[in-house]
N, C-alpha and C. Protein backbone atom coordinates (compact mmCIF):
# COMPACT_ATOMS: atom_id res chain seq x y z
N UNK A 1 -20.96 -3.16 35.60
CA UNK A 1 -20.22 -4.39 35.27
C UNK A 1 -20.28 -4.63 33.88
N UNK A 2 -21.64 -4.56 32.95
CA UNK A 2 -22.09 -4.61 31.81
C UNK A 2 -21.15 -3.84 30.94
N UNK A 3 -21.33 -2.50 31.45
CA UNK A 3 -20.57 -1.30 30.57
C UNK A 3 -19.13 -1.36 30.01
N UNK A 4 -18.68 -2.04 31.72
CA UNK A 4 -17.18 -2.31 31.86
C UNK A 4 -16.77 -3.40 30.50
N UNK A 5 -17.51 -4.52 30.48
CA UNK A 5 -17.51 -5.78 29.69
C UNK A 5 -17.40 -5.06 28.13
N UNK A 6 -18.41 -4.40 27.76
CA UNK A 6 -18.84 -4.20 26.35
C UNK A 6 -17.34 -2.93 25.82
N UNK A 7 -16.84 -2.05 26.86
CA UNK A 7 -15.98 -1.47 26.73
C UNK A 7 -14.90 -2.13 26.14
N UNK A 8 -14.46 -3.45 27.18
CA UNK A 8 -13.61 -3.95 26.81
C UNK A 8 -13.56 -4.94 25.45
N UNK A 9 -14.77 -5.31 25.45
CA UNK A 9 -15.11 -6.29 23.97
C UNK A 9 -14.71 -5.42 23.05
N UNK A 10 -15.53 -4.11 22.80
CA UNK A 10 -15.12 -3.07 21.71
C UNK A 10 -13.92 -2.87 21.58
N UNK A 11 -12.90 -2.64 22.76
CA UNK A 11 -11.34 -2.11 22.37
C UNK A 11 -11.01 -3.58 21.95
N UNK A 12 -11.21 -4.70 22.51
CA UNK A 12 -10.20 -5.68 21.98
C UNK A 12 -10.76 -6.02 20.41
N UNK A 13 -12.23 -6.01 19.88
CA UNK A 13 -12.50 -5.67 18.84
C UNK A 13 -11.74 -4.86 17.56
N UNK A 14 -11.81 -3.92 17.99
CA UNK A 14 -10.92 -2.42 17.43
C UNK A 14 -9.71 -2.92 17.49
N UNK A 15 -8.65 -3.36 18.39
CA UNK A 15 -7.41 -3.91 18.02
C UNK A 15 -7.21 -5.04 17.23
N UNK A 16 -8.28 -5.99 17.05
CA UNK A 16 -8.27 -6.92 16.19
C UNK A 16 -8.22 -6.74 14.64
N UNK A 17 -9.59 -5.72 14.40
CA UNK A 17 -9.43 -4.65 13.38
C UNK A 17 -8.32 -4.00 12.81
N UNK A 18 -7.93 -3.52 13.50
CA UNK A 18 -6.45 -2.77 13.23
C UNK A 18 -5.30 -3.69 12.97
N UNK A 19 -5.66 -4.91 13.46
CA UNK A 19 -4.25 -5.88 13.36
C UNK A 19 -4.46 -6.11 11.97
N UNK A 20 -5.57 -6.79 11.76
CA UNK A 20 -6.08 -7.56 10.56
C UNK A 20 -5.59 -6.23 9.05
N UNK A 21 -6.00 -5.21 9.71
CA UNK A 21 -5.81 -4.06 8.44
C UNK A 21 -4.43 -3.86 8.14
N UNK A 22 -3.79 -4.35 9.38
CA UNK A 22 -2.22 -3.86 8.99
C UNK A 22 -1.77 -5.29 8.60
N UNK A 23 -2.04 -6.10 8.28
CA UNK A 23 -1.74 -7.52 7.26
C UNK A 23 -2.27 -7.11 6.53
N UNK A 24 -3.23 -6.45 5.61
CA UNK A 24 -3.92 -6.57 4.95
C UNK A 24 -3.41 -5.61 3.71
N UNK A 25 -2.44 -6.29 2.62
CA UNK A 25 -1.80 -4.83 1.88
C UNK A 25 -2.82 -3.89 0.83
N UNK A 26 -3.77 -4.50 0.90
CA UNK A 26 -4.78 -3.54 0.23
C UNK A 26 -5.18 -2.56 1.08
N UNK A 27 -5.43 -2.72 2.21
CA UNK A 27 -6.02 -1.70 3.28
C UNK A 27 -4.46 -1.02 3.79
N UNK A 28 -3.37 -1.30 3.85
CA UNK A 28 -1.99 -0.36 3.88
C UNK A 28 -1.82 0.51 2.74
N UNK A 29 -2.26 -0.12 1.68
CA UNK A 29 -2.07 0.95 0.47
C UNK A 29 -3.09 1.93 0.66
N UNK A 30 -4.66 1.71 0.75
CA UNK A 30 -5.32 2.53 0.88
C UNK A 30 -5.01 3.28 2.25
N UNK A 31 -4.52 3.36 3.37
CA UNK A 31 -4.12 4.33 4.27
C UNK A 31 -2.97 4.99 4.08
N UNK A 32 -2.28 4.75 3.61
CA UNK A 32 -1.24 5.41 2.92
C UNK A 32 -1.67 6.50 1.74
N UNK A 33 -2.82 6.25 1.54
CA UNK A 33 -3.39 6.93 0.65
C UNK A 33 -2.84 6.82 -1.37
N UNK A 34 -2.54 5.54 -1.14
CA UNK A 34 -2.10 5.36 -2.60
C UNK A 34 -3.29 5.32 -3.76
N UNK A 35 -4.31 5.33 -2.98
CA UNK A 35 -5.72 4.90 -4.12
C UNK A 35 -6.33 5.91 -4.84
N UNK A 36 -5.24 7.26 -4.25
CA UNK A 36 -5.81 8.49 -4.94
C UNK A 36 -5.32 8.52 -6.20
N UNK A 37 -4.47 7.66 -6.87
CA UNK A 37 -3.79 8.18 -8.15
C UNK A 37 -3.70 6.45 -8.71
N UNK A 38 -3.89 5.50 -7.77
CA UNK A 38 -3.78 4.23 -8.41
C UNK A 38 -5.17 3.42 -8.31
N UNK A 39 -5.33 2.62 -8.79
CA UNK A 39 -6.54 1.62 -9.12
C UNK A 39 -6.23 0.02 -9.13
N UNK A 40 -6.86 -0.72 -8.75
CA UNK A 40 -6.48 -2.09 -8.98
C UNK A 40 -6.26 -2.58 -10.53
N UNK A 41 -7.03 -2.00 -11.51
CA UNK A 41 -7.43 -2.46 -12.67
C UNK A 41 -7.18 -1.31 -13.48
N UNK A 42 -7.56 -0.04 -13.59
CA UNK A 42 -7.77 0.80 -14.17
C UNK A 42 -6.64 2.18 -14.02
N UNK A 43 -5.95 2.49 -15.02
CA UNK A 43 -5.26 3.93 -14.73
C UNK A 43 -5.89 4.69 -14.76
N UNK A 44 -5.17 5.51 -13.66
CA UNK A 44 -5.90 6.95 -13.04
C UNK A 44 -4.70 8.09 -12.99
N UNK A 45 -4.75 8.92 -12.05
CA UNK A 45 -3.33 9.84 -12.38
C UNK A 45 -2.25 9.01 -12.68
N UNK A 46 -2.02 7.69 -11.70
CA UNK A 46 -0.90 6.69 -12.09
C UNK A 46 -1.28 5.48 -12.50
N UNK A 47 -0.63 4.52 -12.72
CA UNK A 47 -0.55 3.48 -13.27
C UNK A 47 -1.75 2.23 -12.39
N UNK A 48 -2.32 1.68 -12.97
CA UNK A 48 -2.98 0.41 -12.36
C UNK A 48 -1.97 -0.45 -11.48
N UNK A 49 -2.66 -1.31 -10.43
CA UNK A 49 -1.68 -2.06 -9.86
C UNK A 49 -1.47 -3.26 -11.03
N UNK A 50 -2.32 -3.15 -11.55
CA UNK A 50 -1.96 -4.66 -12.74
C UNK A 50 -1.32 -4.33 -13.55
N UNK A 51 -1.31 -2.94 -14.31
CA UNK A 51 -0.15 -2.76 -15.01
C UNK A 51 1.39 -2.80 -14.67
N UNK A 52 1.60 -2.40 -13.57
CA UNK A 52 2.42 -2.29 -12.81
C UNK A 52 3.13 -3.76 -12.85
N UNK A 53 2.30 -4.99 -12.25
CA UNK A 53 2.71 -6.02 -12.18
C UNK A 53 3.13 -6.66 -13.79
N UNK A 54 2.35 -6.15 -14.37
CA UNK A 54 2.51 -6.81 -15.97
C UNK A 54 4.21 -6.17 -16.21
N UNK A 55 4.67 -4.83 -15.93
CA UNK A 55 5.62 -4.21 -16.84
C UNK A 55 6.64 -4.79 -15.61
N UNK A 56 6.77 -5.11 -14.67
CA UNK A 56 7.67 -6.22 -13.92
C UNK A 56 7.85 -7.15 -13.72
N UNK A 57 6.80 -7.69 -14.30
CA UNK A 57 7.05 -9.58 -14.47
C UNK A 57 8.25 -10.23 -14.58
N UNK A 58 8.51 -10.82 -13.78
CA UNK A 58 10.05 -11.53 -14.09
C UNK A 58 11.51 -10.73 -14.01
N UNK A 59 11.32 -9.25 -13.29
CA UNK A 59 12.20 -8.60 -13.10
C UNK A 59 12.56 -8.78 -11.53
N UNK A 60 13.81 -9.28 -11.58
CA UNK A 60 14.32 -10.13 -9.89
C UNK A 60 14.27 -8.33 -8.83
N UNK A 61 15.08 -7.36 -9.61
CA UNK A 61 14.77 -5.94 -8.98
C UNK A 61 13.80 -5.19 -8.78
N UNK A 62 12.66 -5.63 -9.12
CA UNK A 62 11.70 -4.75 -9.37
C UNK A 62 11.07 -4.37 -7.66
N UNK A 63 11.32 -5.41 -6.77
CA UNK A 63 10.40 -4.69 -5.32
C UNK A 63 11.48 -3.58 -4.98
N UNK A 64 12.85 -4.24 -5.28
CA UNK A 64 13.84 -2.79 -4.50
C UNK A 64 13.78 -1.29 -5.45
N UNK A 65 13.19 -1.58 -6.85
CA UNK A 65 13.41 -0.25 -7.76
C UNK A 65 12.31 0.22 -7.12
N UNK A 66 10.95 -0.48 -6.85
CA UNK A 66 9.44 0.08 -6.73
C UNK A 66 9.37 0.72 -5.36
N UNK A 67 10.44 0.03 -3.79
CA UNK A 67 10.48 0.85 -2.53
C UNK A 67 10.96 1.65 -2.83
N UNK A 68 12.13 1.85 -3.78
CA UNK A 68 12.93 3.28 -3.57
C UNK A 68 11.99 4.56 -4.43
N UNK A 69 11.34 4.04 -5.54
CA UNK A 69 10.21 4.64 -6.11
C UNK A 69 9.23 5.56 -5.09
N UNK A 70 8.77 4.77 -4.49
CA UNK A 70 8.05 5.10 -3.39
C UNK A 70 8.58 5.95 -2.31
N UNK A 71 9.62 5.66 -1.74
CA UNK A 71 10.51 6.48 -0.66
C UNK A 71 10.62 7.58 -0.98
N UNK A 72 11.09 7.89 -2.53
CA UNK A 72 12.06 9.11 -3.08
C UNK A 72 10.98 9.95 -3.79
N UNK A 73 9.79 9.57 -4.33
CA UNK A 73 8.88 9.95 -5.48
C UNK A 73 9.50 9.41 -6.72
N UNK A 74 8.75 9.81 -7.66
CA UNK A 74 9.27 9.01 -9.11
C UNK A 74 8.19 10.35 -9.95
N UNK A 75 8.92 10.33 -11.33
CA UNK A 75 8.50 10.95 -12.47
C UNK A 75 8.83 10.73 -13.46
N UNK A 76 7.97 10.86 -14.45
CA UNK A 76 8.54 10.45 -16.04
C UNK A 76 8.61 8.91 -16.35
N UNK A 77 8.18 7.83 -15.40
CA UNK A 77 8.33 6.66 -15.80
C UNK A 77 7.03 6.28 -16.43
N UNK A 78 5.86 7.01 -15.90
CA UNK A 78 4.53 6.42 -16.38
C UNK A 78 3.93 7.42 -16.79
N UNK A 79 4.62 8.43 -17.46
CA UNK A 79 3.80 9.89 -17.83
C UNK A 79 4.29 10.97 -16.82
N UNK A 80 4.23 12.30 -17.14
CA UNK A 80 4.65 13.36 -16.57
C UNK A 80 4.05 13.69 -14.73
N UNK A 81 3.21 12.97 -14.41
CA UNK A 81 2.23 12.76 -13.18
C UNK A 81 3.73 12.89 -12.22
N UNK A 82 3.54 13.42 -11.01
CA UNK A 82 4.57 13.07 -10.39
C UNK A 82 4.28 12.39 -9.38
N UNK A 83 4.91 11.05 -8.74
CA UNK A 83 4.31 10.69 -7.30
C UNK A 83 5.27 11.39 -6.22
N UNK A 84 4.59 11.23 -5.30
CA UNK A 84 5.27 12.53 -3.88
C UNK A 84 5.95 11.06 -3.37
N UNK A 85 6.99 11.41 -2.85
CA UNK A 85 7.51 10.21 -1.75
C UNK A 85 6.40 9.94 -0.57
N UNK A 86 6.42 8.52 -0.54
CA UNK A 86 5.84 8.00 0.67
C UNK A 86 6.67 7.84 1.93
N UNK A 87 6.29 8.57 3.19
CA UNK A 87 7.33 8.54 4.32
C UNK A 87 7.24 7.60 5.06
N UNK A 88 7.91 6.72 5.77
CA UNK A 88 8.21 5.61 6.61
C UNK A 88 7.02 5.95 8.04
N UNK A 89 6.73 7.41 8.25
CA UNK A 89 5.32 7.53 8.62
C UNK A 89 3.93 6.73 8.25
N UNK A 90 4.00 7.13 6.79
CA UNK A 90 2.75 6.55 6.38
C UNK A 90 2.78 5.34 5.99
N UNK A 91 3.79 4.47 5.82
CA UNK A 91 3.78 3.00 5.26
C UNK A 91 4.95 2.59 5.83
N UNK A 92 5.50 2.02 7.00
CA UNK A 92 6.77 1.32 7.61
C UNK A 92 7.44 0.65 6.04
N UNK A 93 8.56 0.40 6.48
CA UNK A 93 9.24 -0.54 5.95
C UNK A 93 8.90 -1.89 4.92
N UNK A 94 8.32 -2.50 6.26
CA UNK A 94 7.89 -3.84 6.21
C UNK A 94 6.32 -3.65 5.43
N UNK A 95 5.54 -3.01 5.89
CA UNK A 95 4.54 -2.76 5.02
C UNK A 95 4.56 -2.50 4.13
N UNK A 96 5.17 -1.57 3.44
CA UNK A 96 5.68 -1.23 2.39
C UNK A 96 5.99 -2.36 1.57
N UNK A 97 6.79 -3.13 2.15
CA UNK A 97 7.42 -4.54 1.23
C UNK A 97 6.31 -5.46 1.06
N UNK A 98 5.32 -5.15 1.98
CA UNK A 98 4.25 -6.30 2.17
C UNK A 98 3.30 -5.76 0.41
N UNK A 99 3.05 -4.31 0.89
CA UNK A 99 2.13 -3.52 -0.48
C UNK A 99 2.83 -4.07 -1.53
N UNK A 100 4.35 -3.74 -2.01
CA UNK A 100 5.08 -4.05 -3.28
C UNK A 100 4.94 -5.61 -3.52
N UNK A 101 5.02 -6.40 -2.86
CA UNK A 101 4.71 -8.17 -3.18
C UNK A 101 3.29 -8.35 -3.48
N UNK A 102 2.40 -7.85 -2.87
CA UNK A 102 0.98 -7.80 -3.16
C UNK A 102 0.92 -7.19 -4.50
N UNK A 103 1.35 -5.97 -4.63
CA UNK A 103 1.19 -5.39 -6.11
C UNK A 103 1.65 -6.20 -7.44
N UNK A 104 3.16 -6.94 -6.99
CA UNK A 104 3.54 -7.37 -7.73
C UNK A 104 3.16 -9.12 -8.42
N UNK A 105 2.27 -9.60 -7.42
CA UNK A 105 1.47 -10.60 -7.67
C UNK A 105 0.84 -10.69 -8.18
N UNK A 106 -0.01 -9.92 -8.38
CA UNK A 106 -1.23 -9.70 -8.96
C UNK A 106 -0.99 -9.86 -10.51
């Protein structure tokens, strides 16, 4: 009985951690592997989240533009490095919107 209770507790805790990660834009970006090229404050292969927020501050079309670039891929906006497309399997539309809002609010 104790083993079953422990397994149930572990499953519930794992589900709670996964649900929290789905709400955390930083965790979503990391799960989608955005961190391979982007860093919060430093330029890497791609621009930092901070630089993106600064460039698009006050631009009412920024979220839609960034979502399009993430979905379709992009090149030549921040240099010659190519950003590969991010599929809906990697990051759903609602998750992508949360990540973009998070980036733009930095």
